[in-house]
Amino acid sequence: MILGVTQYRLPNRLGGQLSLNHYPCKEAKASVLLLHGLGGTARQFGDHQQGFINFCLAQGLEVFTLELHGHGQSWPSVSSRTRYGINDVVEHDLALFMKHIDRLAADVPRFLVGQGFAGVLWLAYMARFPDAKVQGMLHLGWLGSSSNLPTPSALFHRLRLSVLAPIFGRVLGYLPAWLMGRGSAEALDLFKQAQSWMRGQWCDPKDEFPYWQRLSELSLPPSLYVTDGGEHARIRTARQMMRNLGQHDCCLLVLDQKSRKGVAQLEGSLQTPEFADNFYPILSTWFGTHLTATEI
């Protein structure tokens, strides 16, 4: 039974307010925490009537959508004055979200879902807080590949990130929403640090915390990595990352051309008919398998 939505505003250390939406369901089997990628918002996951959120609720999974500082309904919006990086996200804001969710849904298993670079942020959180109780992780558009960005081609996507983004970042002091191709502007610090992480080792730019080293020492929860078959390089990258991460039960799902459109759109993200028909049955089985493992 679907019960609607409740919104919470969480004051963070930067003087802003983070937006947390809770979509409960009666006798929830587990909680699913949805985190958007760079320049994203919670809107891309749909709502209690459509999209990925509706799918989760139909499976008996309550949903929490998390919006980072300056994104979506979080306040204030990203601007040239915003100083917000990976350390702020992982050590402070994600920890704040989790503390509040613990008070609302502490007694059910928990799944972490990240779209694009949000999957990396969730892994960084696991490295910082290795005692976090997480039942499984779902990475959509692994490592921010162009499969989860609404661009006509991977070439234009690379042009925006490698050429246009640095120019507009220097001039404006932040990256506007139209440049990100999503629903929100992005903080320049977070964008630059994300680009650096995608090219090398994951080390915190603020306190030099060795995320990559810590992850290689952990036993991570079962994980499903979703990417597309548009470029073989993306598949090779995902496989290499899966091997290099800590010990865990992992699976790589490669979407076909029709299905990956579900990860590629903004308002229609994760709710196109092709994506729903091809991906949701697989995901339903994956959730069910790991929930059954908990009961055993």
Protein backbone atom coordinates (compact mmCIF):
# COMPACT_ATOMS: atom_id res chain seq x y z
CA MET A 1 0.00 0.00 0.00
CA ILE A 2 1.42 3.39 -1.08
CA LEU A 3 1.05 6.12 1.54
CA GLY A 4 2.21 9.35 -0.17
CA VAL A 5 5.32 11.43 0.49
CA THR A 6 6.79 13.44 3.37
CA GLN A 7 9.50 16.06 2.84
CA TYR A 8 12.16 16.90 5.41
CA ARG A 9 14.55 19.86 5.45
CA LEU A 10 17.86 19.10 7.13
CA PRO A 11 20.13 22.05 8.11
CA ASN A 12 23.71 21.32 7.07
CA ARG A 13 27.06 22.71 8.16
CA LEU A 14 27.22 25.16 5.23
CA GLY A 15 24.14 27.00 6.46
CA GLY A 16 21.85 25.48 3.86
CA GLN A 17 18.99 23.00 3.98
CA LEU A 18 19.09 19.55 2.39
CA SER A 19 15.92 18.08 0.91
CA LEU A 20 14.97 14.53 1.92
CA ASN A 21 11.76 12.98 0.61
CA HIS A 22 10.30 9.85 2.20
CA TYR A 23 7.92 7.64 0.24
CA PRO A 24 6.67 5.08 2.78
CA CYS A 25 4.74 1.91 2.10
CA LYS A 26 2.88 -0.34 4.50
CA GLU A 27 5.03 -3.14 5.95
CA ALA A 28 8.11 -2.16 3.92
CA LYS A 29 10.52 -5.00 3.20
CA ALA A 30 13.49 -2.63 2.85
CA SER A 31 14.48 1.00 2.30
CA VAL A 32 15.89 2.25 -1.00
CA LEU A 33 17.98 5.44 -0.89
CA LEU A 34 18.17 7.27 -4.24
CA LEU A 35 20.98 9.74 -4.91
CA HIS A 36 21.23 11.82 -8.10
CA GLY A 37 24.43 12.41 -10.06
CA LEU A 38 26.26 15.61 -10.97
CA GLY A 39 23.85 18.40 -11.85
CA GLY A 40 20.91 16.13 -11.09
CA THR A 41 17.84 16.24 -8.88
CA ALA A 42 15.47 13.72 -7.32
CA ARG A 43 12.92 14.41 -10.08
CA GLN A 44 14.76 12.08 -12.43
CA PHE A 45 13.60 9.11 -10.32
CA GLY A 46 9.89 9.88 -10.84
CA ASP A 47 7.42 9.91 -7.94
CA HIS A 48 4.93 7.64 -6.17
CA GLN A 49 2.83 7.43 -9.36
CA GLN A 50 5.49 6.82 -11.99
CA GLY A 51 9.09 5.89 -12.69
CA PHE A 52 11.68 4.22 -10.52
CA ILE A 53 10.11 5.35 -7.25
CA ASN A 54 6.77 3.86 -8.24
CA PHE A 55 8.52 0.60 -9.20
CA CYS A 56 10.19 0.35 -5.79
CA LEU A 57 6.96 1.04 -3.92
CA ALA A 58 5.20 -1.66 -5.94
CA GLN A 59 7.88 -4.10 -4.75
CA GLY A 60 7.16 -3.24 -1.11
CA LEU A 61 10.27 -1.07 -0.80
CA GLU A 62 9.99 2.33 0.86
CA VAL A 63 11.99 5.08 -0.83
CA PHE A 64 14.10 8.02 0.30
CA THR A 65 15.31 10.57 -2.25
CA LEU A 66 18.33 12.65 -1.25
CA GLU A 67 19.16 16.00 -2.86
CA LEU A 68 22.63 17.38 -2.30
CA HIS A 69 23.41 20.96 -1.26
CA GLY A 70 22.10 23.38 -3.89
CA HIS A 71 20.31 20.72 -5.95
CA GLY A 72 16.58 20.36 -6.56
CA GLN A 73 14.62 21.49 -3.51
CA SER A 74 17.71 21.84 -1.33
CA TRP A 75 18.60 25.43 -0.44
CA PRO A 76 20.31 27.69 -1.44
CA SER A 77 20.82 27.09 -5.16
CA VAL A 78 24.34 26.59 -6.49
CA SER A 79 26.05 29.88 -7.36
CA SER A 80 29.52 31.39 -7.72
CA ARG A 81 29.64 31.62 -3.91
CA THR A 82 29.11 27.88 -3.41
CA ARG A 83 32.11 26.06 -1.98
CA TYR A 84 31.06 22.43 -2.02
CA GLY A 85 33.21 19.39 -2.70
CA ILE A 86 33.48 15.65 -2.20
CA ASN A 87 34.42 15.95 1.47
CA ASP A 88 31.31 18.04 2.15
CA VAL A 89 29.13 15.43 0.42
CA VAL A 90 30.59 12.26 1.91
CA GLU A 91 31.76 13.09 5.41
CA HIS A 92 29.00 15.54 6.24
CA ASP A 93 25.87 15.61 4.09
CA LEU A 94 25.50 11.88 3.37
CA ALA A 95 26.21 11.20 7.03
CA LEU A 96 23.50 13.72 7.95
CA PHE A 97 21.01 12.06 5.62
CA MET A 98 21.81 8.63 7.05
CA LYS A 99 21.44 9.81 10.64
CA HIS A 100 17.95 11.12 9.91
CA ILE A 101 16.94 8.00 7.94
CA ASP A 102 18.11 5.86 10.85
CA ARG A 103 15.40 7.47 12.96
CA LEU A 104 12.72 6.76 10.34
CA ALA A 105 13.65 3.29 9.10
CA ALA A 106 16.27 1.65 11.27
CA ASP A 107 14.73 -1.82 11.39
CA VAL A 108 14.65 -2.79 7.70
CA PRO A 109 17.46 -3.64 5.22
CA ARG A 110 18.86 -0.73 3.24
CA PHE A 111 19.82 -0.45 -0.44
CA LEU A 112 21.90 2.44 -1.81
CA VAL A 113 21.19 3.56 -5.39
CA GLY A 114 23.33 6.10 -7.22
CA GLN A 115 23.00 7.49 -10.73
CA GLY A 116 26.23 8.39 -12.52
CA PHE A 117 28.87 9.79 -10.17
CA ALA A 118 26.52 9.25 -7.21
CA GLY A 119 27.58 5.60 -7.30
CA VAL A 120 31.14 6.73 -6.59
CA LEU A 121 29.91 8.98 -3.78
CA TRP A 122 28.11 6.04 -2.15
CA LEU A 123 31.28 3.96 -2.35
CA ALA A 124 33.23 6.82 -0.80
CA TYR A 125 30.66 6.88 2.00
CA MET A 126 31.19 3.16 2.59
CA ALA A 127 34.94 3.77 2.82
CA ARG A 128 34.44 6.56 5.37
CA PHE A 129 31.83 4.65 7.36
CA PRO A 130 32.67 0.94 6.96
CA ASP A 131 30.27 -0.07 9.75
CA ALA A 132 27.24 1.22 7.85
CA LYS A 133 24.63 -1.52 7.50
CA VAL A 134 23.89 -1.77 3.78
CA GLN A 135 22.14 -4.71 2.13
CA GLY A 136 23.11 -3.90 -1.45
CA MET A 137 24.21 -1.19 -3.88
CA LEU A 138 22.85 -0.34 -7.33
CA HIS A 139 24.99 1.81 -9.66
CA LEU A 140 23.08 3.31 -12.62
CA GLY A 141 25.23 4.68 -15.43
CA TRP A 142 28.42 3.54 -13.68
CA LEU A 143 31.13 6.19 -13.16
CA GLY A 144 29.16 8.95 -14.85
CA SER A 145 29.48 7.53 -18.36
CA SER A 146 27.65 9.39 -21.11
CA SER A 147 24.95 6.72 -21.01
CA ASN A 148 23.22 8.60 -18.19
CA LEU A 149 23.42 12.08 -19.73
CA PRO A 150 20.80 13.47 -22.13
CA THR A 151 23.22 14.28 -24.96
CA PRO A 152 22.88 13.28 -28.61
CA SER A 153 26.30 11.63 -28.60
CA ALA A 154 29.21 10.72 -26.38
CA LEU A 155 31.38 13.09 -28.44
CA PHE A 156 29.27 16.13 -27.55
CA HIS A 157 29.22 14.99 -23.92
CA ARG A 158 33.03 14.94 -23.84
CA LEU A 159 33.14 18.35 -25.53
CA ARG A 160 30.92 19.84 -22.84
CA LEU A 161 32.92 18.37 -19.97
CA SER A 162 36.44 18.87 -21.31
CA VAL A 163 36.09 22.20 -23.14
CA LEU A 164 32.92 24.12 -22.28
CA ALA A 165 32.72 23.27 -18.57
CA PRO A 166 36.20 24.62 -17.67
CA ILE A 167 35.53 27.83 -19.62
CA PHE A 168 32.14 28.55 -18.06
CA GLY A 169 33.44 27.42 -14.67
CA ARG A 170 36.22 30.02 -14.73
CA VAL A 171 33.89 32.77 -15.93
CA LEU A 172 30.83 32.07 -13.76
CA GLY A 173 32.37 30.30 -10.79
CA TYR A 174 29.91 27.40 -11.16
CA LEU A 175 28.39 25.22 -13.89
CA PRO A 176 24.88 26.23 -15.03
CA ALA A 177 22.12 23.66 -15.36
CA TRP A 178 21.93 23.89 -19.15
CA LEU A 179 25.61 22.99 -19.40
CA MET A 180 25.22 19.99 -17.10
CA GLY A 181 22.29 18.79 -19.20
CA ARG A 182 20.28 18.01 -16.07
CA GLY A 183 17.92 19.86 -13.74
CA SER A 184 20.42 21.65 -11.51
CA ALA A 185 23.55 23.75 -11.64
CA GLU A 186 26.71 22.17 -10.19
CA ALA A 187 29.32 23.46 -7.78
CA LEU A 188 32.65 24.00 -9.52
CA ASP A 189 34.65 22.32 -6.74
CA LEU A 190 32.56 19.15 -6.83
CA PHE A 191 32.70 18.97 -10.61
CA LYS A 192 36.48 19.43 -10.78
CA GLN A 193 37.09 16.87 -8.03
CA ALA A 194 34.77 14.38 -9.74
CA GLN A 195 36.68 14.77 -13.01
CA SER A 196 39.94 14.22 -11.16
CA TRP A 197 38.63 11.05 -9.50
CA MET A 198 37.51 9.61 -12.83
CA ARG A 199 41.07 10.00 -14.10
CA GLY A 200 42.94 8.58 -11.11
CA GLN A 201 42.94 7.40 -7.50
CA TRP A 202 40.20 8.46 -5.12
CA CYS A 203 41.84 10.66 -2.48
CA ASP A 204 39.98 13.29 -0.48
CA PRO A 205 41.16 16.76 -1.61
CA LYS A 206 40.55 18.18 1.86
CA ASP A 207 42.05 15.72 4.34
CA GLU A 208 43.71 13.22 1.93
CA PHE A 209 41.56 10.34 3.14
CA PRO A 210 42.55 7.33 0.95
CA TYR A 211 39.13 6.18 -0.26
CA TRP A 212 40.49 3.82 -2.89
CA GLN A 213 42.85 2.07 -0.49
CA ARG A 214 40.13 1.66 2.15
CA LEU A 215 37.69 0.24 -0.39
CA SER A 216 40.21 -2.35 -1.51
CA GLU A 217 40.39 -3.56 2.10
CA LEU A 218 36.63 -3.80 2.66
CA SER A 219 34.07 -6.50 2.02
CA LEU A 220 31.43 -4.49 0.17
CA PRO A 221 27.73 -5.41 0.01
CA PRO A 222 26.28 -7.15 -3.08
CA SER A 223 26.30 -4.71 -5.98
CA LEU A 224 24.70 -4.39 -9.41
CA TYR A 225 26.53 -2.17 -11.92
CA VAL A 226 24.49 -0.91 -14.87
CA THR A 227 26.09 0.55 -17.98
CA ASP A 228 25.36 0.54 -21.70
CA GLY A 229 26.90 -1.17 -24.67
CA GLY A 230 27.32 2.00 -26.71
CA GLU A 231 31.09 1.96 -26.23
CA HIS A 232 33.16 -1.11 -25.34
CA ALA A 233 35.49 1.17 -23.37
CA ARG A 234 32.73 1.80 -20.82
CA ILE A 235 32.21 -1.91 -20.31
CA ARG A 236 35.94 -2.53 -19.89
CA THR A 237 36.16 0.33 -17.41
CA ALA A 238 33.25 -0.99 -15.36
CA ARG A 239 34.72 -4.51 -15.28
CA GLN A 240 38.13 -3.22 -14.23
CA MET A 241 36.62 -1.13 -11.45
CA MET A 242 34.61 -4.09 -10.18
CA ARG A 243 37.77 -6.19 -10.00
CA ASN A 244 39.75 -3.47 -8.23
CA LEU A 245 37.15 -2.73 -5.57
CA GLY A 246 37.00 -4.67 -2.34
CA GLN A 247 35.68 -8.20 -2.15
CA HIS A 248 31.96 -8.34 -2.95
CA ASP A 249 29.23 -10.19 -4.80
CA CYS A 250 28.89 -8.11 -7.96
CA CYS A 251 27.18 -8.25 -11.33
CA LEU A 252 27.47 -6.09 -14.46
CA LEU A 253 24.33 -5.42 -16.49
CA VAL A 254 24.87 -4.01 -20.00
CA LEU A 255 21.80 -2.30 -21.46
CA ASP A 256 20.85 -2.47 -25.10
CA GLN A 257 20.18 0.67 -27.16
CA LYS A 258 16.47 0.92 -26.35
CA SER A 259 16.83 0.19 -22.66
CA ARG A 260 19.64 2.65 -22.04
CA LYS A 261 17.38 5.52 -23.12
CA GLY A 262 15.75 5.05 -19.72
CA VAL A 263 18.99 6.19 -18.07
CA ALA A 264 19.54 8.94 -20.60
CA GLN A 265 16.59 11.27 -20.12
CA LEU A 266 15.90 13.80 -17.40
CA GLU A 267 12.18 14.00 -16.76
CA GLY A 268 11.65 10.58 -18.34
CA SER A 269 14.64 9.04 -16.60
CA LEU A 270 14.14 5.45 -15.47
CA GLN A 271 10.56 5.42 -16.72
CA THR A 272 10.62 4.85 -20.49
CA PRO A 273 8.56 1.80 -21.54
CA GLU A 274 11.59 0.00 -23.01
CA PHE A 275 13.63 0.54 -19.89
CA ALA A 276 10.79 -0.57 -17.62
CA ASP A 277 10.03 -3.69 -19.67
CA ASN A 278 13.65 -4.82 -19.95
CA PHE A 279 15.24 -3.67 -16.72
CA TYR A 280 12.63 -3.68 -13.98
CA PRO A 281 12.06 -7.48 -14.02
CA ILE A 282 15.82 -8.01 -13.62
CA LEU A 283 15.98 -5.50 -10.81
CA SER A 284 12.96 -7.05 -9.09
CA THR A 285 14.76 -10.39 -9.07
CA TRP A 286 17.96 -8.80 -7.77
CA PHE A 287 16.17 -7.08 -4.89
CA GLY A 288 14.27 -10.25 -4.09
CA THR A 289 17.39 -12.40 -4.07
CA HIS A 290 19.21 -10.22 -1.58
CA LEU A 291 16.16 -9.73 0.60
CA THR A 292 15.76 -13.50 0.74
CA ALA A 293 19.41 -13.81 1.73
CA THR A 294 18.65 -11.52 4.70
CA GLU A 295 15.74 -13.68 5.83
CA ILE A 296 17.85 -16.82 5.67
